Amino acid sequence: MVSMFVPKVIATVFVCLFVYVLSMATFHFVNRETFSYLGYYNNMDDLLKLNEKFINRRLETHASRINLMQYPAYQEIANLYVQRHLFLYRSTENHLKSMHGAHSSFYCDYLKSINVSAVCDNDVTSNLPEVIVSACQFEKISPRHYLRHTTSETNISDLQMDEFLFSIRKLIEDTCYIVLIFMSVIIIKELLGTVIWLYMKRSGFINLRIIFEADEPPNVPHR
């Protein structure tokens, strides 16, 4: 009995150490990060955040392309159209001034030829309004970033995964407790058995008889 007690104690110590290491490993490694690293879990929230960043980056890229490429081209085309119409306007204005001057000069010469006193002014003015055209300038656009609205149902996959991992940790923890209880029962049984045996042996409650096997009967003296 005593010879088996020490190995059982040593085995119990090793089992306790193993249970402790297993519990610490379960606490530190049974989580979403480990399952994600192993490829058994994909965090949809991280994927949605990545998609949100991708969308916002696309919006910024499009806004930059419009401000740096498309708007300057449209401005140049619009300014060319404005300059063309302004040139036509100036040409028409000069043509009307020339016609007005020619008619005025001819009319003054006619009045002088018929001896009609008239005041002829060679200064020709146009009735057309003065047109001042400024260059076309578009306002730069600024992108409006996309913001994802989170609700109570957004993190449902994370909650389900947390419950699953909690169940695994609980199962391992309960198994470790059962193993510890089993080993404790064995140690307590061995201790109680040893104590009771020593008590009964020393108190004389049990008479011990030594029985051994011999090839010849012992020499018993005759009375």
Protein backbone atom coordinates (compact mmCIF):
# COMPACT_ATOMS: atom_id res chain seq x y z
CA MET A 1 0.00 0.00 0.00
CA VAL A 2 2.80 2.41 0.94
CA SER A 3 4.76 1.50 -2.20
CA MET A 4 1.84 2.61 -4.45
CA PHE A 5 1.10 5.80 -2.53
CA VAL A 6 4.20 7.74 -3.62
CA PRO A 7 3.79 7.04 -7.37
CA LYS A 8 0.16 8.08 -7.15
CA VAL A 9 1.15 11.35 -5.45
CA ILE A 10 3.76 12.02 -8.14
CA ALA A 11 1.22 11.22 -10.86
CA THR A 12 -1.27 13.55 -9.19
CA VAL A 13 1.28 16.38 -9.14
CA PHE A 14 1.99 15.90 -12.84
CA VAL A 15 -1.73 15.80 -13.60
CA CYS A 16 -2.25 19.04 -11.66
CA LEU A 17 0.56 20.70 -13.60
CA PHE A 18 -0.91 19.45 -16.86
CA VAL A 19 -4.35 20.74 -15.91
CA TYR A 20 -2.88 24.12 -14.97
CA VAL A 21 -0.98 24.42 -18.26
CA LEU A 22 -4.08 23.33 -20.18
CA SER A 23 -6.22 25.90 -18.37
CA MET A 24 -3.75 28.71 -19.10
CA ALA A 25 -3.46 27.66 -22.74
CA THR A 26 -7.24 27.57 -23.02
CA PHE A 27 -7.53 31.04 -21.51
CA HIS A 28 -4.90 32.57 -23.81
CA PHE A 29 -5.39 30.69 -27.09
CA VAL A 30 -9.05 29.70 -27.32
CA ASN A 31 -10.24 33.00 -28.78
CA ARG A 32 -11.34 34.56 -32.05
CA GLU A 33 -7.82 35.63 -33.02
CA THR A 34 -6.51 32.06 -32.86
CA PHE A 35 -9.45 30.65 -34.82
CA SER A 36 -9.08 33.41 -37.38
CA TYR A 37 -5.36 32.68 -37.71
CA LEU A 38 -6.12 28.99 -38.24
CA GLY A 39 -8.73 29.84 -40.87
CA TYR A 40 -11.78 28.62 -38.95
CA TYR A 41 -13.30 32.06 -38.42
CA ASN A 42 -13.66 35.16 -40.56
CA ASN A 43 -14.58 38.35 -38.77
CA MET A 44 -17.24 39.95 -40.95
CA ASP A 45 -16.91 43.23 -39.09
CA ASP A 46 -13.27 43.52 -40.14
CA LEU A 47 -14.23 42.72 -43.74
CA LEU A 48 -16.94 45.40 -43.67
CA LYS A 49 -14.49 47.94 -42.23
CA LEU A 50 -12.01 47.05 -44.96
CA ASN A 51 -14.74 47.44 -47.58
CA GLU A 52 -15.69 50.80 -46.05
CA LYS A 53 -12.09 52.02 -46.33
CA PHE A 54 -11.96 50.77 -49.91
CA ILE A 55 -15.15 52.66 -50.82
CA ASN A 56 -13.91 55.87 -49.20
CA ARG A 57 -10.59 55.53 -51.00
CA ARG A 58 -12.44 55.13 -54.30
CA LEU A 59 -14.49 58.24 -53.56
CA GLU A 60 -11.34 60.23 -52.80
CA THR A 61 -9.71 58.94 -56.00
CA HIS A 62 -12.71 59.92 -58.14
CA ALA A 63 -12.90 63.35 -56.51
CA SER A 64 -9.19 63.92 -57.09
CA ARG A 65 -9.50 62.84 -60.73
CA ILE A 66 -12.44 65.19 -61.28
CA ASN A 67 -10.68 68.13 -59.61
CA LEU A 68 -7.31 67.60 -61.28
CA MET A 69 -8.27 66.26 -64.72
CA GLN A 70 -11.90 66.59 -65.74
CA TYR A 71 -12.72 70.00 -64.28
CA PRO A 72 -9.66 71.74 -65.84
CA ALA A 73 -10.53 70.22 -69.22
CA TYR A 74 -14.17 71.34 -68.94
CA GLN A 75 -13.03 74.79 -67.81
CA GLU A 76 -10.72 75.12 -70.80
CA ILE A 77 -13.46 74.05 -73.21
CA ALA A 78 -15.98 76.42 -71.60
CA ASN A 79 -13.48 79.29 -71.72
CA LEU A 80 -12.81 78.60 -75.39
CA TYR A 81 -16.54 78.78 -76.12
CA VAL A 82 -16.78 82.03 -74.17
CA GLN A 83 -13.81 83.52 -76.03
CA ARG A 84 -15.34 82.44 -79.35
CA HIS A 85 -18.67 84.10 -78.60
CA LEU A 86 -16.87 87.16 -77.28
CA PHE A 87 -14.86 87.35 -80.50
CA LEU A 88 -18.06 87.14 -82.55
CA TYR A 89 -19.58 89.83 -80.39
CA ARG A 90 -16.56 92.13 -80.89
CA SER A 91 -16.57 91.45 -84.61
CA THR A 92 -20.27 92.29 -84.89
CA GLU A 93 -19.71 95.41 -82.81
CA ASN A 94 -16.85 96.57 -85.03
CA HIS A 95 -18.88 95.83 -88.14
CA LEU A 96 -21.82 97.87 -86.87
CA LYS A 97 -19.48 100.72 -85.93
CA SER A 98 -17.98 100.70 -89.41
CA MET A 99 -21.41 100.69 -91.07
CA HIS A 100 -22.61 103.45 -88.76
CA GLY A 101 -19.56 105.59 -89.55
CA ALA A 102 -19.92 105.05 -93.27
CA HIS A 103 -23.60 105.97 -93.25
CA SER A 104 -22.96 109.03 -91.08
CA SER A 105 -20.15 110.26 -93.30
CA PHE A 106 -22.21 109.74 -96.45
CA TYR A 107 -25.19 111.50 -94.91
CA CYS A 108 -23.08 114.49 -93.83
CA ASP A 109 -21.59 114.82 -97.32
CA TYR A 110 -25.09 114.71 -98.77
CA LEU A 111 -26.31 117.46 -96.45
CA LYS A 112 -23.34 119.63 -97.36
CA SER A 113 -23.97 119.11 -101.07
CA ILE A 114 -27.49 120.51 -100.81
CA ASN A 115 -26.34 123.47 -98.72
CA VAL A 116 -28.12 122.33 -95.58
CA SER A 117 -26.48 123.48 -92.43
CA ALA A 118 -25.90 120.43 -90.31
CA VAL A 119 -23.55 119.47 -87.57
CA CYS A 120 -21.73 116.30 -88.47
CA ASP A 121 -19.77 114.55 -85.80
CA ASN A 122 -17.27 112.05 -86.98
CA ASP A 123 -17.15 110.36 -83.55
CA VAL A 124 -19.06 107.18 -83.89
CA THR A 125 -20.40 105.43 -80.78
CA SER A 126 -22.15 102.14 -80.58
CA ASN A 127 -25.33 101.44 -78.73
CA LEU A 128 -24.22 97.92 -77.92
CA PRO A 129 -23.58 97.36 -74.19
CA GLU A 130 -20.12 96.75 -72.88
CA VAL A 131 -19.60 93.07 -72.18
CA ILE A 132 -17.09 91.93 -69.59
CA VAL A 133 -16.64 88.17 -69.46
CA SER A 134 -14.60 86.51 -66.75
CA ALA A 135 -12.98 83.13 -67.08
CA CYS A 136 -15.00 80.09 -66.04
CA GLN A 137 -13.93 78.63 -62.72
CA PHE A 138 -15.54 75.48 -61.30
CA GLU A 139 -15.62 74.90 -57.57
CA LYS A 140 -13.70 71.90 -56.39
CA ILE A 141 -15.73 69.03 -55.07
CA SER A 142 -15.02 67.33 -51.76
CA PRO A 143 -15.94 63.67 -51.29
CA ARG A 144 -18.49 62.71 -48.69
CA HIS A 145 -17.19 59.60 -46.99
CA TYR A 146 -19.35 56.56 -46.50
CA LEU A 147 -20.12 55.76 -42.87
CA ARG A 148 -21.52 52.36 -42.02
CA HIS A 149 -24.36 52.41 -39.52
CA THR A 150 -23.90 49.77 -36.83
CA THR A 151 -26.94 48.16 -35.27
CA SER A 152 -27.59 45.46 -32.70
CA GLU A 153 -27.54 42.87 -35.48
CA THR A 154 -24.16 43.96 -36.83
CA ASN A 155 -22.06 42.00 -34.32
CA ILE A 156 -24.28 38.93 -34.18
CA SER A 157 -21.57 36.74 -35.76
CA ASP A 158 -19.07 37.87 -33.12
CA LEU A 159 -21.56 37.16 -30.36
CA GLN A 160 -22.25 33.69 -31.73
CA MET A 161 -18.52 32.98 -31.99
CA ASP A 162 -17.96 34.22 -28.44
CA GLU A 163 -20.68 31.91 -27.15
CA PHE A 164 -19.13 28.99 -29.05
CA LEU A 165 -15.68 29.73 -27.63
CA PHE A 166 -17.15 30.14 -24.16
CA SER A 167 -18.71 26.69 -24.48
CA ILE A 168 -15.36 25.19 -25.50
CA ARG A 169 -13.55 26.86 -22.60
CA LYS A 170 -16.31 25.77 -20.23
CA LEU A 171 -16.05 22.19 -21.48
CA ILE A 172 -12.27 22.11 -21.00
CA GLU A 173 -12.58 23.76 -17.60
CA ASP A 174 -15.22 21.29 -16.41
CA THR A 175 -13.11 18.39 -17.69
CA CYS A 176 -10.10 19.69 -15.76
CA TYR A 177 -12.24 20.01 -12.63
CA ILE A 178 -13.48 16.45 -13.02
CA VAL A 179 -9.91 15.16 -13.41
CA LEU A 180 -8.78 17.12 -10.35
CA ILE A 181 -11.71 15.84 -8.30
CA PHE A 182 -11.00 12.27 -9.43
CA MET A 183 -7.32 12.53 -8.50
CA SER A 184 -8.20 14.20 -5.20
CA VAL A 185 -10.58 11.37 -4.37
CA ILE A 186 -7.85 8.83 -5.13
CA ILE A 187 -5.31 10.65 -2.93
CA ILE A 188 -7.82 11.07 -0.10
CA LYS A 189 -8.76 7.40 -0.34
CA GLU A 190 -5.12 6.36 -0.19
CA LEU A 191 -4.45 8.66 2.77
CA LEU A 192 -7.50 7.49 4.67
CA GLY A 193 -6.65 3.88 3.92
CA THR A 194 -3.09 4.34 5.17
CA VAL A 195 -4.18 6.18 8.32
CA ILE A 196 -6.88 3.63 9.17
CA TRP A 197 -4.50 0.74 8.54
CA LEU A 198 -1.80 2.20 10.78
CA TYR A 199 -4.32 2.99 13.51
CA MET A 200 -5.80 -0.50 13.48
CA LYS A 201 -2.35 -2.03 13.37
CA ARG A 202 -1.02 -0.06 16.33
CA SER A 203 -4.15 -0.18 18.45
CA GLY A 204 -4.27 -3.96 18.37
CA PHE A 205 -7.78 -3.92 17.06
CA ILE A 206 -6.76 -6.57 14.56
CA ASN A 207 -4.61 -9.51 15.50
CA LEU A 208 -2.00 -10.06 12.86
CA ARG A 209 -0.87 -13.52 12.03
CA ILE A 210 2.16 -14.11 9.92
CA ILE A 211 1.48 -16.89 7.45
CA PHE A 212 4.29 -18.25 5.37
CA GLU A 213 4.82 -21.28 3.21
CA ALA A 214 7.56 -23.82 3.97
CA ASP A 215 8.67 -27.06 2.39
CA GLU A 216 8.84 -28.87 5.76
CA PRO A 217 6.69 -28.44 8.81
CA PRO A 218 8.35 -26.49 11.59
CA ASN A 219 9.75 -28.32 14.60
CA VAL A 220 7.23 -27.76 17.33
CA PRO A 221 8.42 -28.89 20.79
CA HIS A 222 6.16 -31.49 22.46
CA ARG A 223 4.96 -30.86 25.95
